[in-house]
């Protein structure tokens, strides 16, 4: 299966934290799923082998699962992953919010990584791709596999995966660099109201990526528009960038007061450069 191909191997300490995080989510019990699929015999076999929860089940590779129970247990695991899917997607989004300072959240890297690893463990392909690309938690980095899972998630409509796929193509990270393809994926993420995608689209316009020289003035306005949309959604990196645009009047009216507000908002979310700027402005951040 896809999830077995991912080869996610967690250190016991990481696994303990992830399991605790998953157990707080509202998901059906192993008993409920076995009743739904009329698989009580498999339940007894699994419980005898120490598999007590839905989380114990999905963490097991298929070959080990076959050794513990009948081959029908693979069908049970597949159903468990389907049931976990909505919570796994939420966990990934919450993890990104904490990792990057999205949606007005204060940056907390360790909690963000724990959420993303938990989402990956629960079968979220976008999170699996993220963990493999970055080598998050105790997961070994594998950019090739990371690209495969990110591509799958993007093509299934995960807007964060769309944005990250854009970054992969923009940087030529494990694939051939392709600006046009990068912009296509950023645009798809941005149109899906993804603050990360909106910021990346605006950032590219600001840098002149894929922009002809005679369109430079339009590019500045385009950058301000997309970065502004992302900033309004509470992405600290976009707030900092928008503050710079407001301070200089690039693509938008110059407004030092608005710039200061944006710098302080980004600083309160833990954005390092914004914190430095706040100190220059003589503003303390609580």
C-alpha atoms as a PDB file:
ATOM      1  CA  UNK A   1       0.000   0.000   0.000  1.00  0.00           C
ATOM      2  CA  UNK A   2       0.997   3.665  -0.325  1.00  0.00           C
ATOM      3  CA  UNK A   3       1.463   4.022   3.408  1.00  0.00           C
ATOM      4  CA  UNK A   4       3.722   0.973   3.601  1.00  0.00           C
ATOM      5  CA  UNK A   5       5.760   2.404   0.700  1.00  0.00           C
ATOM      6  CA  UNK A   6       6.296   5.558   2.761  1.00  0.00           C
ATOM      7  CA  UNK A   7       8.409   3.569   5.193  1.00  0.00           C
ATOM      8  CA  UNK A   8       7.722   5.855   8.179  1.00  0.00           C
ATOM      9  CA  UNK A   9       9.846   4.584  11.050  1.00  0.00           C
ATOM     10  CA  UNK A  10       9.461   6.539  14.278  1.00  0.00           C
ATOM     11  CA  UNK A  11      11.717   6.581  17.316  1.00  0.00           C
ATOM     12  CA  UNK A  12       9.800   5.125  20.321  1.00  0.00           C
ATOM     13  CA  UNK A  13       9.786   8.535  22.074  1.00  0.00           C
ATOM     14  CA  UNK A  14       8.376  10.240  18.965  1.00  0.00           C
ATOM     15  CA  UNK A  15       5.825   7.467  18.549  1.00  0.00           C
ATOM     16  CA  UNK A  16       4.644   7.840  22.146  1.00  0.00           C
ATOM     17  CA  UNK A  17       4.012  11.591  21.708  1.00  0.00           C
ATOM     18  CA  UNK A  18       2.286  11.056  18.371  1.00  0.00           C
ATOM     19  CA  UNK A  19       0.057   8.274  19.756  1.00  0.00           C
ATOM     20  CA  UNK A  20      -1.002  10.483  22.680  1.00  0.00           C
ATOM     21  CA  UNK A  21      -1.864  13.293  20.264  1.00  0.00           C
ATOM     22  CA  UNK A  22      -3.881  10.965  18.025  1.00  0.00           C
ATOM     23  CA  UNK A  23      -5.787   9.490  20.959  1.00  0.00           C
ATOM     24  CA  UNK A  24      -7.150  12.942  21.821  1.00  0.00           C
ATOM     25  CA  UNK A  25      -8.966  13.109  18.476  1.00  0.00           C
ATOM     26  CA  UNK A  26     -12.580  12.037  17.975  1.00  0.00           C
ATOM     27  CA  UNK A  27     -12.274   8.825  15.971  1.00  0.00           C
ATOM     28  CA  UNK A  28     -14.164   5.508  16.040  1.00  0.00           C
ATOM     29  CA  UNK A  29     -12.857   2.618  18.122  1.00  0.00           C
ATOM     30  CA  UNK A  30     -11.350  -0.545  16.683  1.00  0.00           C
ATOM     31  CA  UNK A  31     -14.411  -2.429  17.932  1.00  0.00           C
ATOM     32  CA  UNK A  32     -16.795  -0.146  16.015  1.00  0.00           C
ATOM     33  CA  UNK A  33     -14.943  -0.668  12.743  1.00  0.00           C
ATOM     34  CA  UNK A  34     -14.798  -4.455  13.122  1.00  0.00           C
ATOM     35  CA  UNK A  35     -18.548  -4.560  13.832  1.00  0.00           C
ATOM     36  CA  UNK A  36     -19.182  -2.401  10.730  1.00  0.00           C
ATOM     37  CA  UNK A  37     -17.157  -4.805   8.561  1.00  0.00           C
ATOM     38  CA  UNK A  38     -18.397  -7.956  10.367  1.00  0.00           C
ATOM     39  CA  UNK A  39     -14.822  -8.925  11.297  1.00  0.00           C
ATOM     40  CA  UNK A  40     -15.083  -9.985  14.935  1.00  0.00           C
ATOM     41  CA  UNK A  41     -12.678 -12.907  14.424  1.00  0.00           C
ATOM     42  CA  UNK A  42      -9.963 -10.501  13.247  1.00  0.00           C
ATOM     43  CA  UNK A  43     -10.622  -8.262  16.266  1.00  0.00           C
ATOM     44  CA  UNK A  44     -10.020 -11.138  18.683  1.00  0.00           C
ATOM     45  CA  UNK A  45      -6.841 -12.134  16.845  1.00  0.00           C
ATOM     46  CA  UNK A  46      -5.528  -8.557  16.866  1.00  0.00           C
ATOM     47  CA  UNK A  47      -6.368  -7.980  20.533  1.00  0.00           C
ATOM     48  CA  UNK A  48      -4.576 -11.214  21.442  1.00  0.00           C
ATOM     49  CA  UNK A  49      -1.498  -9.737  19.703  1.00  0.00           C
ATOM     50  CA  UNK A  50      -1.699  -6.464  21.659  1.00  0.00           C
ATOM     51  CA  UNK A  51      -3.474  -4.399  18.970  1.00  0.00           C
ATOM     52  CA  UNK A  52      -6.039  -2.550  21.108  1.00  0.00           C
ATOM     53  CA  UNK A  53      -6.761   0.688  19.249  1.00  0.00           C
ATOM     54  CA  UNK A  54      -7.241   2.031  15.741  1.00  0.00           C
ATOM     55  CA  UNK A  55      -3.836   3.739  16.121  1.00  0.00           C
ATOM     56  CA  UNK A  56      -2.072   0.465  16.956  1.00  0.00           C
ATOM     57  CA  UNK A  57      -3.598  -0.968  13.774  1.00  0.00           C
ATOM     58  CA  UNK A  58      -2.658   1.754  11.274  1.00  0.00           C
ATOM     59  CA  UNK A  59       0.946   1.921  12.532  1.00  0.00           C
ATOM     60  CA  UNK A  60       1.557  -1.724  11.566  1.00  0.00           C
ATOM     61  CA  UNK A  61       3.044  -2.452   8.106  1.00  0.00           C
ATOM     62  CA  UNK A  62       0.865  -4.809   6.060  1.00  0.00           C
ATOM     63  CA  UNK A  63       3.364  -7.700   6.140  1.00  0.00           C
ATOM     64  CA  UNK A  64       3.404  -7.681   9.957  1.00  0.00           C
ATOM     65  CA  UNK A  65      -0.377  -7.351  10.060  1.00  0.00           C
ATOM     66  CA  UNK A  66      -0.733 -10.473   7.901  1.00  0.00           C
ATOM     67  CA  UNK A  67       1.443 -12.384  10.360  1.00  0.00           C
ATOM     68  CA  UNK A  68      -0.755 -11.336  13.297  1.00  0.00           C
ATOM     69  CA  UNK A  69      -4.163 -11.885  11.700  1.00  0.00           C
ATOM     70  CA  UNK A  70      -5.786 -13.070   8.489  1.00  0.00           C
ATOM     71  CA  UNK A  71      -5.290 -11.249   5.184  1.00  0.00           C
ATOM     72  CA  UNK A  72      -8.720  -9.668   5.746  1.00  0.00           C
ATOM     73  CA  UNK A  73      -7.057  -7.537   8.430  1.00  0.00           C
ATOM     74  CA  UNK A  74      -5.605  -5.460   5.575  1.00  0.00           C
ATOM     75  CA  UNK A  75      -9.190  -4.511   4.658  1.00  0.00           C
ATOM     76  CA  UNK A  76      -9.742  -3.531   8.281  1.00  0.00           C
ATOM     77  CA  UNK A  77      -6.634  -1.322   8.244  1.00  0.00           C
ATOM     78  CA  UNK A  78      -7.766   0.327   4.998  1.00  0.00           C
ATOM     79  CA  UNK A  79     -11.140   1.147   6.554  1.00  0.00           C
ATOM     80  CA  UNK A  80      -9.432   2.461   9.692  1.00  0.00           C
ATOM     81  CA  UNK A  81      -7.311   4.826   7.567  1.00  0.00           C
ATOM     82  CA  UNK A  82     -10.468   6.019   5.781  1.00  0.00           C
ATOM     83  CA  UNK A  83     -12.086   6.756   9.132  1.00  0.00           C
ATOM     84  CA  UNK A  84      -8.967   8.589  10.323  1.00  0.00           C
ATOM     85  CA  UNK A  85      -8.621  10.643   7.133  1.00  0.00           C
ATOM     86  CA  UNK A  86     -10.659  13.752   8.151  1.00  0.00           C
ATOM     87  CA  UNK A  87      -8.824  14.032  11.496  1.00  0.00           C
ATOM     88  CA  UNK A  88      -5.470  13.402   9.817  1.00  0.00           C
ATOM     89  CA  UNK A  89      -6.087  16.271   7.386  1.00  0.00           C
ATOM     90  CA  UNK A  90      -7.047  18.568  10.287  1.00  0.00           C
ATOM     91  CA  UNK A  91      -3.938  17.552  12.215  1.00  0.00           C
ATOM     92  CA  UNK A  92      -1.744  18.431   9.240  1.00  0.00           C
ATOM     93  CA  UNK A  93      -3.358  21.840   8.855  1.00  0.00           C
ATOM     94  CA  UNK A  94      -3.000  22.540  12.584  1.00  0.00           C
ATOM     95  CA  UNK A  95       0.624  21.397  12.419  1.00  0.00           C
ATOM     96  CA  UNK A  96       1.401  23.817   9.584  1.00  0.00           C
ATOM     97  CA  UNK A  97      -0.292  26.639  11.474  1.00  0.00           C
ATOM     98  CA  UNK A  98       2.021  26.045  14.442  1.00  0.00           C
ATOM     99  CA  UNK A  99       5.130  25.363  12.368  1.00  0.00           C
ATOM    100  CA  UNK A 100       4.808  28.412  10.109  1.00  0.00           C
ATOM    101  CA  UNK A 101       2.617  30.878  12.001  1.00  0.00           C
ATOM    102  CA  UNK A 102      -0.455  30.518   9.797  1.00  0.00           C
ATOM    103  CA  UNK A 103      -4.021  31.512  10.722  1.00  0.00           C
ATOM    104  CA  UNK A 104      -2.900  34.013  13.410  1.00  0.00           C
ATOM    105  CA  UNK A 105      -1.095  31.254  15.364  1.00  0.00           C
ATOM    106  CA  UNK A 106       2.125  31.859  17.293  1.00  0.00           C
ATOM    107  CA  UNK A 107       5.010  29.799  15.898  1.00  0.00           C
ATOM    108  CA  UNK A 108       5.728  26.645  17.895  1.00  0.00           C
ATOM    109  CA  UNK A 109       8.006  24.411  15.841  1.00  0.00           C
ATOM    110  CA  UNK A 110       8.117  21.396  18.172  1.00  0.00           C
ATOM    111  CA  UNK A 111       4.317  21.183  18.523  1.00  0.00           C
ATOM    112  CA  UNK A 112       3.870  21.809  14.822  1.00  0.00           C
ATOM    113  CA  UNK A 113       6.226  18.968  13.903  1.00  0.00           C
ATOM    114  CA  UNK A 114       4.492  16.632  16.359  1.00  0.00           C
ATOM    115  CA  UNK A 115       1.120  17.389  14.742  1.00  0.00           C
ATOM    116  CA  UNK A 116       2.496  16.841  11.220  1.00  0.00           C
ATOM    117  CA  UNK A 117       4.143  13.533  12.187  1.00  0.00           C
ATOM    118  CA  UNK A 118       0.877  12.432  13.836  1.00  0.00           C
ATOM    119  CA  UNK A 119      -1.036  13.330  10.663  1.00  0.00           C
ATOM    120  CA  UNK A 120       1.436  11.304   8.603  1.00  0.00           C
ATOM    121  CA  UNK A 121       1.083   8.334  10.966  1.00  0.00           C
ATOM    122  CA  UNK A 122      -2.694   8.562  10.524  1.00  0.00           C
ATOM    123  CA  UNK A 123      -2.302   8.330   6.728  1.00  0.00           C
ATOM    124  CA  UNK A 124      -2.472  11.958   5.502  1.00  0.00           C
ATOM    125  CA  UNK A 125      -0.502  11.845   2.223  1.00  0.00           C
ATOM    126  CA  UNK A 126       0.340  15.562   2.295  1.00  0.00           C
ATOM    127  CA  UNK A 127       1.812  15.095   5.780  1.00  0.00           C
ATOM    128  CA  UNK A 128       3.677  11.939   4.727  1.00  0.00           C
ATOM    129  CA  UNK A 129       5.198  13.886   1.833  1.00  0.00           C
ATOM    130  CA  UNK A 130       6.142  16.738   4.167  1.00  0.00           C
ATOM    131  CA  UNK A 131       7.823  14.420   6.689  1.00  0.00           C
ATOM    132  CA  UNK A 132       9.796  12.615   3.991  1.00  0.00           C
ATOM    133  CA  UNK A 133      10.894  15.828   2.230  1.00  0.00           C
ATOM    134  CA  UNK A 134      12.081  17.495   5.426  1.00  0.00           C
ATOM    135  CA  UNK A 135      13.034  14.484   7.546  1.00  0.00           C
ATOM    136  CA  UNK A 136      10.706  15.641  10.333  1.00  0.00           C
ATOM    137  CA  UNK A 137      10.637  14.095  13.765  1.00  0.00           C
ATOM    138  CA  UNK A 138      12.643  10.882  13.697  1.00  0.00           C
ATOM    139  CA  UNK A 139      11.666  10.123  10.081  1.00  0.00           C
ATOM    140  CA  UNK A 140      14.561   9.693   7.642  1.00  0.00           C
ATOM    141  CA  UNK A 141      14.660  12.253   4.844  1.00  0.00           C
ATOM    142  CA  UNK A 142      13.799  10.901   1.399  1.00  0.00           C
ATOM    143  CA  UNK A 143      13.105  13.694  -1.091  1.00  0.00           C
ATOM    144  CA  UNK A 144      12.198  11.335  -3.923  1.00  0.00           C
ATOM    145  CA  UNK A 145       9.452   9.622  -1.909  1.00  0.00           C
ATOM    146  CA  UNK A 146       8.465  12.988  -0.449  1.00  0.00           C
ATOM    147  CA  UNK A 147       7.848  14.343  -3.935  1.00  0.00           C
ATOM    148  CA  UNK A 148       5.726  11.287  -4.862  1.00  0.00           C
ATOM    149  CA  UNK A 149       3.421  11.691  -1.849  1.00  0.00           C
ATOM    150  CA  UNK A 150       3.223  15.495  -2.218  1.00  0.00           C
ATOM    151  CA  UNK A 151       2.312  15.080  -5.890  1.00  0.00           C
ATOM    152  CA  UNK A 152      -0.418  12.545  -5.026  1.00  0.00           C
ATOM    153  CA  UNK A 153      -1.859  14.796  -2.316  1.00  0.00           C
ATOM    154  CA  UNK A 154      -1.804  17.870  -4.586  1.00  0.00           C
ATOM    155  CA  UNK A 155      -3.575  16.031  -7.383  1.00  0.00           C
ATOM    156  CA  UNK A 156      -6.252  14.974  -4.880  1.00  0.00           C
ATOM    157  CA  UNK A 157      -6.809  18.625  -3.964  1.00  0.00           C
ATOM    158  CA  UNK A 158      -4.837  19.253  -0.760  1.00  0.00           C
ATOM    159  CA  UNK A 159      -4.075  22.968  -1.149  1.00  0.00           C
ATOM    160  CA  UNK A 160      -0.997  22.879   1.097  1.00  0.00           C
ATOM    161  CA  UNK A 161       0.444  20.049  -0.976  1.00  0.00           C
ATOM    162  CA  UNK A 162      -0.263  22.155  -4.083  1.00  0.00           C
ATOM    163  CA  UNK A 163       1.816  24.990  -2.630  1.00  0.00           C
ATOM    164  CA  UNK A 164       4.654  22.693  -1.584  1.00  0.00           C
ATOM    165  CA  UNK A 165       4.635  21.045  -5.006  1.00  0.00           C
ATOM    166  CA  UNK A 166       5.073  24.536  -6.438  1.00  0.00           C
ATOM    167  CA  UNK A 167       8.124  25.036  -4.193  1.00  0.00           C
ATOM    168  CA  UNK A 168       9.596  21.712  -5.341  1.00  0.00           C
ATOM    169  CA  UNK A 169       9.337  22.782  -8.996  1.00  0.00           C
ATOM    170  CA  UNK A 170      10.492  26.340  -8.323  1.00  0.00           C
ATOM    171  CA  UNK A 171      13.657  25.122  -6.560  1.00  0.00           C
ATOM    172  CA  UNK A 172      14.244  22.035  -8.690  1.00  0.00           C
ATOM    173  CA  UNK A 173      14.270  20.017  -5.481  1.00  0.00           C
ATOM    174  CA  UNK A 174      14.530  16.415  -6.683  1.00  0.00           C
ATOM    175  CA  UNK A 175      12.829  17.284  -9.989  1.00  0.00           C
ATOM    176  CA  UNK A 176      13.797  19.406 -12.975  1.00  0.00           C
ATOM    177  CA  UNK A 177      13.330  23.104 -12.177  1.00  0.00           C
ATOM    178  CA  UNK A 178      10.205  24.428 -13.908  1.00  0.00           C
ATOM    179  CA  UNK A 179       8.975  27.945 -13.079  1.00  0.00           C
ATOM    180  CA  UNK A 180       5.849  27.633 -15.204  1.00  0.00           C
ATOM    181  CA  UNK A 181       4.764  24.452 -13.407  1.00  0.00           C
ATOM    182  CA  UNK A 182       5.622  26.002 -10.034  1.00  0.00           C
ATOM    183  CA  UNK A 183       3.392  28.998 -10.732  1.00  0.00           C
ATOM    184  CA  UNK A 184       0.583  26.707 -11.888  1.00  0.00           C
ATOM    185  CA  UNK A 185       0.608  24.866  -8.540  1.00  0.00           C
ATOM    186  CA  UNK A 186       0.929  28.085  -6.529  1.00  0.00           C
ATOM    187  CA  UNK A 187      -2.074  29.451  -8.386  1.00  0.00           C
ATOM    188  CA  UNK A 188      -4.093  26.311  -7.701  1.00  0.00           C
ATOM    189  CA  UNK A 189      -3.276  26.609  -3.982  1.00  0.00           C
ATOM    190  CA  UNK A 190      -4.040  30.351  -3.976  1.00  0.00           C
ATOM    191  CA  UNK A 191      -7.387  29.829  -5.718  1.00  0.00           C
ATOM    192  CA  UNK A 192      -8.161  27.266  -3.015  1.00  0.00           C
ATOM    193  CA  UNK A 193      -7.828  30.078  -0.409  1.00  0.00           C
ATOM    194  CA  UNK A 194      -4.521  28.669   0.888  1.00  0.00           C
ATOM    195  CA  UNK A 195      -2.559  31.449   2.600  1.00  0.00           C
ATOM    196  CA  UNK A 196       0.718  29.659   1.857  1.00  0.00           C
ATOM    197  CA  UNK A 197      -0.094  29.446  -1.852  1.00  0.00           C
ATOM    198  CA  UNK A 198      -1.249  33.067  -1.954  1.00  0.00           C
ATOM    199  CA  UNK A 199       1.978  34.203  -0.312  1.00  0.00           C
ATOM    200  CA  UNK A 200       4.142  32.158  -2.686  1.00  0.00           C
ATOM    201  CA  UNK A 201       2.302  33.533  -5.720  1.00  0.00           C
ATOM    202  CA  UNK A 202       2.794  37.089  -4.416  1.00  0.00           C
ATOM    203  CA  UNK A 203       6.428  36.403  -3.527  1.00  0.00           C
ATOM    204  CA  UNK A 204       7.123  35.199  -7.071  1.00  0.00           C
ATOM    205  CA  UNK A 205       5.483  38.296  -8.552  1.00  0.00           C
ATOM    206  CA  UNK A 206       7.533  40.487  -6.205  1.00  0.00           C
ATOM    207  CA  UNK A 207      10.739  38.773  -7.309  1.00  0.00           C
ATOM    208  CA  UNK A 208       9.755  38.998 -10.971  1.00  0.00           C
ATOM    209  CA  UNK A 209       9.604  35.208 -11.373  1.00  0.00           C
ATOM    210  CA  UNK A 210       7.937  34.462 -14.704  1.00  0.00           C
ATOM    211  CA  UNK A 211       7.331  38.204 -15.299  1.00  0.00           C
ATOM    212  CA  UNK A 212       8.412  40.069 -18.459  1.00  0.00           C
ATOM    213  CA  UNK A 213      10.246  43.380 -17.961  1.00  0.00           C
ATOM    214  CA  UNK A 214       7.412  45.429 -19.496  1.00  0.00           C
ATOM    215  CA  UNK A 215       4.986  43.963 -16.942  1.00  0.00           C
ATOM    216  CA  UNK A 216       7.041  44.922 -13.868  1.00  0.00           C
ATOM    217  CA  UNK A 217       4.591  47.573 -12.603  1.00  0.00           C
ATOM    218  CA  UNK A 218       1.704  45.141 -12.916  1.00  0.00           C
ATOM    219  CA  UNK A 219       3.802  42.558 -11.083  1.00  0.00           C
ATOM    220  CA  UNK A 220       4.214  44.904  -8.078  1.00  0.00           C
ATOM    221  CA  UNK A 221       0.430  45.310  -7.837  1.00  0.00           C
ATOM    222  CA  UNK A 222      -0.061  41.572  -8.252  1.00  0.00           C
ATOM    223  CA  UNK A 223       2.458  40.897  -5.473  1.00  0.00           C
ATOM    224  CA  UNK A 224       0.730  43.315  -3.095  1.00  0.00           C
ATOM    225  CA  UNK A 225      -2.666  41.781  -3.875  1.00  0.00           C
ATOM    226  CA  UNK A 226      -1.693  38.162  -3.202  1.00  0.00           C
ATOM    227  CA  UNK A 227       0.584  38.882  -0.240  1.00  0.00           C
ATOM    228  CA  UNK A 228      -2.197  41.065   1.179  1.00  0.00           C
ATOM    229  CA  UNK A 229      -4.725  38.214   0.906  1.00  0.00           C
ATOM    230  CA  UNK A 230      -2.308  35.911   2.736  1.00  0.00           C
ATOM    231  CA  UNK A 231      -1.596  38.529   5.424  1.00  0.00           C
ATOM    232  CA  UNK A 232      -5.334  38.964   6.040  1.00  0.00           C
ATOM    233  CA  UNK A 233      -5.508  35.223   6.786  1.00  0.00           C
ATOM    234  CA  UNK A 234      -2.934  35.697   9.560  1.00  0.00           C
ATOM    235  CA  UNK A 235       0.230  34.243   7.967  1.00  0.00           C
ATOM    236  CA  UNK A 236       3.113  35.951   9.782  1.00  0.00           C
ATOM    237  CA  UNK A 237       5.533  35.757   6.825  1.00  0.00           C
ATOM    238  CA  UNK A 238       2.963  37.497   4.628  1.00  0.00           C
ATOM    239  CA  UNK A 239       2.321  40.122   7.323  1.00  0.00           C
ATOM    240  CA  UNK A 240       6.041  40.902   7.428  1.00  0.00           C
ATOM    241  CA  UNK A 241       6.273  41.089   3.622  1.00  0.00           C
ATOM    242  CA  UNK A 242       3.158  43.264   3.440  1.00  0.00           C
ATOM    243  CA  UNK A 243       4.650  45.578   6.069  1.00  0.00           C
ATOM    244  CA  UNK A 244       7.712  46.014   3.847  1.00  0.00           C
ATOM    245  CA  UNK A 245       5.499  46.837   0.847  1.00  0.00           C
ATOM    246  CA  UNK A 246       3.480  49.324   2.914  1.00  0.00           C
ATOM    247  CA  UNK A 247       6.658  50.930   4.264  1.00  0.00           C
ATOM    248  CA  UNK A 248       8.123  51.418   0.759  1.00  0.00           C
ATOM    249  CA  UNK A 249       4.891  51.893  -1.227  1.00  0.00           C
ATOM    250  CA  UNK A 250       5.625  49.063  -3.682  1.00  0.00           C
ATOM    251  CA  UNK A 251       2.482  48.035  -5.575  1.00  0.00           C
ATOM    252  CA  UNK A 252       0.316  49.698  -2.916  1.00  0.00           C
ATOM    253  CA  UNK A 253      -0.025  53.099  -1.244  1.00  0.00           C
ATOM    254  CA  UNK A 254       2.748  53.958   1.188  1.00  0.00           C
ATOM    255  CA  UNK A 255       1.417  53.804   4.748  1.00  0.00           C
ATOM    256  CA  UNK A 256       3.993  53.793   7.593  1.00  0.00           C
ATOM    257  CA  UNK A 257       1.305  53.377  10.274  1.00  0.00           C
ATOM    258  CA  UNK A 258      -0.164  50.294   8.566  1.00  0.00           C
ATOM    259  CA  UNK A 259       3.371  48.945   8.073  1.00  0.00           C
ATOM    260  CA  UNK A 260       4.100  49.302  11.789  1.00  0.00           C
ATOM    261  CA  UNK A 261       0.885  47.470  12.709  1.00  0.00           C
ATOM    262  CA  UNK A 262       1.772  44.603  10.382  1.00  0.00           C
ATOM    263  CA  UNK A 263       5.327  44.355  11.727  1.00  0.00           C
ATOM    264  CA  UNK A 264       3.980  44.143  15.276  1.00  0.00           C
ATOM    265  CA  UNK A 265       1.346  41.543  14.361  1.00  0.00           C
ATOM    266  CA  UNK A 266       4.019  39.362  12.734  1.00  0.00           C
ATOM    267  CA  UNK A 267       6.334  39.875  15.713  1.00  0.00           C
ATOM    268  CA  UNK A 268       3.629  38.708  18.141  1.00  0.00           C
ATOM    269  CA  UNK A 269       3.439  35.468  16.151  1.00  0.00           C
ATOM    270  CA  UNK A 270       7.159  34.893  16.686  1.00  0.00           C
ATOM    271  CA  UNK A 271       8.480  36.003  13.273  1.00  0.00           C
ATOM    272  CA  UNK A 272      12.212  36.656  13.892  1.00  0.00           C
ATOM    273  CA  UNK A 273      12.761  39.516  11.428  1.00  0.00           C
ATOM    274  CA  UNK A 274       9.546  41.171  12.590  1.00  0.00           C
ATOM    275  CA  UNK A 275      10.735  40.932  16.196  1.00  0.00           C
ATOM    276  CA  UNK A 276      13.980  42.677  15.192  1.00  0.00           C
ATOM    277  CA  UNK A 277      11.972  45.355  13.368  1.00  0.00           C
ATOM    278  CA  UNK A 278       9.723  45.858  16.418  1.00  0.00           C
ATOM    279  CA  UNK A 279      12.820  46.476  18.551  1.00  0.00           C
ATOM    280  CA  UNK A 280      14.072  49.039  16.000  1.00  0.00           C
ATOM    281  CA  UNK A 281      10.681  50.735  16.254  1.00  0.00           C
ATOM    282  CA  UNK A 282      11.042  50.817  20.020  1.00  0.00           C
ATOM    283  CA  UNK A 283       8.131  48.464  20.564  1.00  0.00           C
ATOM    284  CA  UNK A 284       8.225  45.679  23.150  1.00  0.00           C
ATOM    285  CA  UNK A 285       6.369  42.457  22.395  1.00  0.00           C
ATOM    286  CA  UNK A 286       4.580  40.712  25.243  1.00  0.00           C
END
